[in-house]
Protein backbone atom coordinates (compact mmCIF):
# COMPACT_ATOMS: atom_id res chain seq x y z
CA MET A 1 207.39 76.03 67.95
CA ALA A 2 210.12 75.99 65.34
CA SER A 3 212.68 73.20 65.44
CA ARG A 4 216.18 72.69 64.06
CA VAL A 5 218.26 69.58 63.48
CA ILE A 6 221.56 70.11 65.27
CA GLY A 7 224.10 67.43 66.03
CA GLY A 8 221.81 64.71 64.68
CA ALA A 9 218.89 65.55 67.01
CA GLU A 10 215.85 67.73 66.48
CA LEU A 11 215.87 70.58 68.97
CA GLU A 12 213.37 73.33 69.68
CA THR A 13 215.21 76.57 69.13
CA GLY A 14 213.00 78.27 71.69
CA THR A 15 214.24 76.07 74.53
CA THR A 16 217.35 76.62 76.60
CA GLY A 17 218.76 73.27 75.46
CA GLY A 18 218.20 74.10 71.82
CA VAL A 19 219.86 77.50 72.10
CA MET A 20 222.81 75.99 73.92
CA ALA A 21 223.23 73.32 71.22
CA ILE A 22 223.16 75.93 68.46
CA ARG A 23 225.68 78.04 70.39
CA LEU A 24 227.98 75.03 70.74
CA VAL A 25 227.81 74.26 67.03
CA LEU A 26 228.64 77.88 66.21
CA GLU A 27 231.61 77.80 68.60
CA ILE A 28 232.86 74.61 66.94
CA LEU A 29 232.50 76.26 63.52
CA GLU A 30 234.47 79.28 64.77
CA ALA A 31 237.23 76.97 66.01
CA LEU A 32 237.37 75.18 62.66
CA ALA A 33 237.48 78.48 60.80
CA THR A 34 240.34 79.94 62.84
CA ARG A 35 242.64 76.94 63.33
CA ASP A 36 244.37 74.60 60.91
CA THR A 37 243.12 71.52 62.79
CA VAL A 38 241.36 70.76 66.08
CA GLY A 39 240.80 67.62 68.15
CA VAL A 40 237.79 66.49 70.15
CA THR A 41 239.59 66.66 73.51
CA GLU A 42 241.01 70.09 72.72
CA LEU A 43 237.56 71.41 71.77
CA SER A 44 235.80 69.91 74.76
CA LYS A 45 238.24 71.63 77.12
CA ALA A 46 238.11 74.95 75.28
CA LEU A 47 234.31 74.95 75.11
CA ASP A 48 233.79 73.46 78.59
CA THR A 49 231.63 70.56 77.44
CA THR A 50 231.87 66.80 77.09
CA LYS A 51 233.86 65.01 74.42
CA ALA A 52 230.76 63.04 73.49
CA ARG A 53 228.82 66.22 72.64
CA VAL A 54 231.70 67.68 70.65
CA PHE A 55 232.21 64.43 68.76
CA ARG A 56 228.51 64.14 67.90
CA HIS A 57 228.37 67.67 66.53
CA LEU A 58 231.64 67.23 64.61
CA ARG A 59 230.38 64.08 62.92
CA THR A 60 227.23 65.91 61.84
CA LEU A 61 229.35 68.77 60.47
CA VAL A 62 231.50 66.24 58.58
CA ASP A 63 228.38 64.61 57.10
CA GLN A 64 227.16 68.03 55.94
CA GLY A 65 230.51 69.10 54.48
CA TYR A 66 231.27 71.82 57.04
CA ALA A 67 234.18 69.85 58.52
CA VAL A 68 236.59 67.16 57.34
CA GLN A 69 238.53 64.61 59.35
CA ASN A 70 242.20 64.58 58.44
CA GLU A 71 243.21 61.27 56.91
CA GLY A 72 244.99 59.01 59.38
CA SER A 73 244.33 61.22 62.41
CA GLU A 74 241.63 62.16 64.90
CA ARG A 75 241.84 65.86 64.09
CA TYR A 76 239.33 67.92 62.14
CA ALA A 77 239.60 70.88 59.79
CA ALA A 78 237.27 73.25 57.97
CA GLY A 79 235.32 71.51 55.21
CA PRO A 80 234.45 72.82 51.74
CA ARG A 81 231.04 74.21 52.72
CA LEU A 82 232.53 76.16 55.63
CA LEU A 83 235.27 77.46 53.35
CA ALA A 84 232.64 78.51 50.84
CA LEU A 85 230.93 80.53 53.58
CA SER A 86 234.28 82.05 54.48
CA ARG A 87 234.85 83.11 50.89
CA ALA A 88 231.44 84.71 50.74
CA ALA A 89 231.89 86.48 54.08
CA SER A 90 235.42 87.71 54.58
CA LEU A 91 238.27 85.46 53.53
CA THR A 92 240.08 86.30 50.33
CA PRO A 93 239.97 83.83 47.41
CA HIS A 94 243.68 83.31 48.05
CA ASP A 95 243.09 82.04 51.58
CA SER A 96 240.19 79.81 50.64
CA ILE A 97 241.73 78.18 47.59
CA VAL A 98 245.04 77.56 49.34
CA ARG A 99 243.32 75.85 52.28
CA ILE A 100 241.21 73.69 49.98
CA ALA A 101 244.13 72.83 47.69
CA ARG A 102 246.85 72.13 50.27
CA PRO A 103 246.08 68.41 50.90
CA THR A 104 245.98 67.72 47.15
CA LEU A 105 249.23 69.64 46.60
CA SER A 106 250.92 67.56 49.30
CA ARG A 107 249.74 64.29 47.77
CA LEU A 108 250.99 65.37 44.35
CA ARG A 109 254.40 66.27 45.79
CA ASP A 110 254.59 62.91 47.55
CA THR A 111 253.71 61.06 44.34
CA PHE A 112 256.60 62.42 42.25
CA GLY A 113 258.85 64.25 44.70
CA HIS A 114 258.84 67.39 42.53
CA THR A 115 258.12 70.92 43.68
CA VAL A 116 254.38 71.64 43.48
CA ASN A 117 253.02 75.16 42.98
CA LEU A 118 249.56 76.66 43.28
CA SER A 119 249.14 79.80 41.18
CA LEU A 120 246.22 82.22 41.17
CA ALA A 121 244.89 84.22 38.25
CA TYR A 122 244.42 87.93 38.99
CA GLY A 123 242.89 89.48 35.91
CA ASP A 124 245.59 89.09 33.26
CA SER A 125 248.30 88.23 35.79
CA VAL A 126 249.43 84.91 37.27
CA SER A 127 251.47 84.46 40.45
CA ILE A 128 252.42 81.57 42.73
CA VAL A 129 250.70 81.76 46.13
CA GLU A 130 251.64 78.37 47.58
CA SER A 131 254.70 76.22 46.95
CA ILE A 132 255.61 72.82 48.42
CA GLN A 133 259.26 72.06 47.77
CA GLY A 134 260.22 68.71 46.31
CA ASN A 135 262.51 66.24 47.99
CA ALA A 136 265.29 66.27 45.39
CA LEU A 137 268.84 66.99 46.53
CA ILE A 138 268.78 70.20 44.47
CA GLY A 139 265.45 72.00 44.73
CA VAL A 140 263.68 74.18 42.15
CA VAL A 141 261.80 77.17 43.56
CA MET A 142 260.18 80.22 41.94
CA SER A 143 259.35 83.49 43.64
CA SER A 144 255.89 83.67 45.20
CA ASN A 145 253.39 86.54 44.87
CA GLU A 146 255.14 87.98 41.83
CA ALA A 147 253.66 88.17 38.34
CA MET A 148 255.05 85.47 36.07
CA PRO A 149 255.66 85.81 32.33
CA ARG A 150 252.52 84.37 30.79
CA HIS A 151 254.09 83.34 27.49
CA ALA A 152 257.05 81.53 29.10
CA THR A 153 255.50 79.63 32.04
CA ALA A 154 253.14 76.66 32.12
CA ALA A 155 250.62 78.36 34.44
CA GLY A 156 250.83 81.57 32.44
CA LYS A 157 250.09 79.77 29.18
CA LEU A 158 246.87 78.41 30.67
CA LEU A 159 245.66 81.95 31.34
CA LEU A 160 246.80 83.15 27.92
CA ALA A 161 245.03 80.23 26.25
CA GLU A 162 241.82 81.08 28.11
CA ASP A 163 242.03 84.70 27.00
CA PHE A 164 242.86 83.74 23.42
CA ILE A 165 240.06 81.19 23.05
CA ARG A 166 237.41 83.41 24.66
CA HIS A 167 238.41 86.81 23.33
CA GLY A 168 240.99 86.22 20.57
CA ARG A 169 243.58 88.26 22.47
CA LEU A 170 247.33 87.74 22.36
CA PRO A 171 250.01 89.61 24.34
CA THR A 172 251.41 92.73 22.78
CA PRO A 173 254.88 92.28 21.24
CA PRO A 174 257.76 92.39 21.72
CA LEU A 175 257.78 89.40 24.08
CA ASN A 176 260.73 88.91 26.40
CA ARG A 177 263.06 86.09 25.39
CA TYR A 178 264.38 84.32 28.49
CA THR A 179 266.09 81.40 26.76
CA GLU A 180 266.53 80.18 23.22
CA ASN A 181 263.36 78.12 23.73
CA THR A 182 261.08 81.01 24.74
CA ILE A 183 258.20 81.45 22.30
CA VAL A 184 258.29 85.07 21.14
CA ASP A 185 256.74 84.76 17.67
CA LEU A 186 252.99 85.46 17.78
CA ASP A 187 252.11 82.84 15.17
CA ALA A 188 254.05 80.21 17.09
CA LEU A 189 252.44 81.36 20.34
CA ARG A 190 248.98 81.18 18.79
CA ALA A 191 249.62 77.58 17.76
CA GLU A 192 250.93 76.78 21.24
CA LEU A 193 247.86 78.23 22.93
CA LEU A 194 245.54 76.23 20.68
CA ARG A 195 247.46 73.10 21.64
CA VAL A 196 247.19 73.99 25.34
CA HIS A 197 243.45 74.51 25.03
CA GLN A 198 242.87 71.25 23.18
CA GLN A 199 244.92 69.07 25.51
CA GLY A 200 243.85 70.73 28.78
CA TRP A 201 247.35 71.22 30.22
CA ALA A 202 250.49 73.25 29.55
CA ASP A 203 254.23 72.93 29.94
CA ALA A 204 257.19 75.24 29.35
CA PRO A 205 260.33 73.16 28.77
CA GLU A 206 263.40 75.36 29.28
CA GLU A 207 261.41 78.42 28.22
CA ILE A 208 262.16 80.58 31.25
CA VAL A 209 265.24 78.86 32.71
CA LEU A 210 267.47 76.34 30.93
CA GLY A 211 267.24 72.87 32.40
CA ILE A 212 263.85 73.44 34.05
CA ASN A 213 260.36 72.38 33.02
CA ALA A 214 256.92 72.77 34.58
CA LEU A 215 253.64 71.02 33.89
CA SER A 216 250.39 72.76 34.80
CA ALA A 217 246.62 72.14 34.70
CA PRO A 218 243.70 74.55 35.24
CA ILE A 219 241.53 74.85 38.35
CA ARG A 220 237.98 76.10 37.74
CA ASP A 221 235.30 77.35 40.11
CA HIS A 222 231.55 76.70 40.14
CA ARG A 223 231.10 79.08 37.19
CA ASN A 224 233.73 77.17 35.21
CA GLU A 225 235.98 80.23 35.42
CA LEU A 226 239.74 79.69 35.47
CA VAL A 227 240.80 80.80 38.96
CA ALA A 228 244.03 78.94 39.64
CA MET A 229 246.58 76.46 38.32
CA VAL A 230 248.38 73.52 39.89
CA SER A 231 251.88 72.76 38.62
CA ILE A 232 254.77 70.40 39.16
CA MET A 233 258.25 71.75 38.48
CA SER A 234 261.64 70.08 38.26
CA SER A 235 264.71 69.66 36.09
CA ILE A 236 264.27 68.62 32.47
CA GLN A 237 265.75 65.29 33.53
CA PHE A 238 262.60 64.48 35.50
CA ILE A 239 259.96 66.44 33.54
CA PRO A 240 261.18 66.05 29.94
CA HIS A 241 260.18 68.04 26.88
CA GLN A 242 257.42 65.48 26.40
CA PRO A 243 256.16 64.84 29.93
CA ALA A 244 255.27 61.28 30.90
CA ARG A 245 251.62 60.36 30.58
CA LYS A 246 251.42 59.51 34.30
CA GLN A 247 252.71 63.00 35.16
CA ILE A 248 250.15 64.66 32.90
CA GLU A 249 247.26 62.60 34.25
CA ALA A 250 248.30 63.15 37.88
CA VAL A 251 248.46 66.95 37.48
CA LYS A 252 245.15 67.03 35.62
CA GLN A 253 243.56 64.87 38.30
CA ALA A 254 244.89 67.14 41.05
CA ALA A 255 243.40 70.16 39.29
CA ALA A 256 240.09 68.34 38.87
CA ASP A 257 240.03 67.36 42.55
CA ILE A 258 240.64 70.95 43.68
CA SER A 259 238.05 72.24 41.20
CA ARG A 260 235.50 69.77 42.56
CA ALA A 261 236.19 70.85 46.13
CA LEU A 262 235.71 74.51 45.17
CA ARG A 263 232.27 73.72 43.78
CA LEU A 264 230.95 72.02 46.93
């Protein structure tokens, strides 16, 4: 008779006990997939079973990457392997990437206090899909779910650099000039995109709005395709024309962490 390892114990799937264990695991997975977080007590009541059984199955799901325990709490959330299944089944890439990236975005915001944005690449378009506002007295916010100028934004430059390096393509002139610092000359833009590619990050000091800068790094999926960008954004006072090394490394690390989670 066939057997399965569920909740840390080998169970015969042909037995009533085995079927019930598999059913319970599936119900826990459904709860993780449809709620931001869940607790052991909450699940045991909802599923009419003991806390010990729920806890045992949750720990196995954590070990296998289908669940994660939120840091500093006793609550659980969907893990990277469950999110990968969701992407393959029905959730949009937007939903999946945002859920995976949100903890990293929050940590990055807490590190510097600046607004943190997650942008997605849709073909040749880039738009912000998640934004966590900074804690400065005067906040900096950009519109979400709207295409951003690729030649004048940090996230947009990452997508342009990818297109230029892979296919030799540049945007068709004339390019909109938003400030006196906007790069509208194609030769200057070509040089900028080569710099972005070589250094692995982009910024756009006062190129779309005077007094504002953003610093962005690329997020790549398991195929090494550019799928998203993580950015910090603030006044030029806090993210200067030459960003601080610790800012650059923190944004690049955040992008690497999200990329790694996408590949699990």
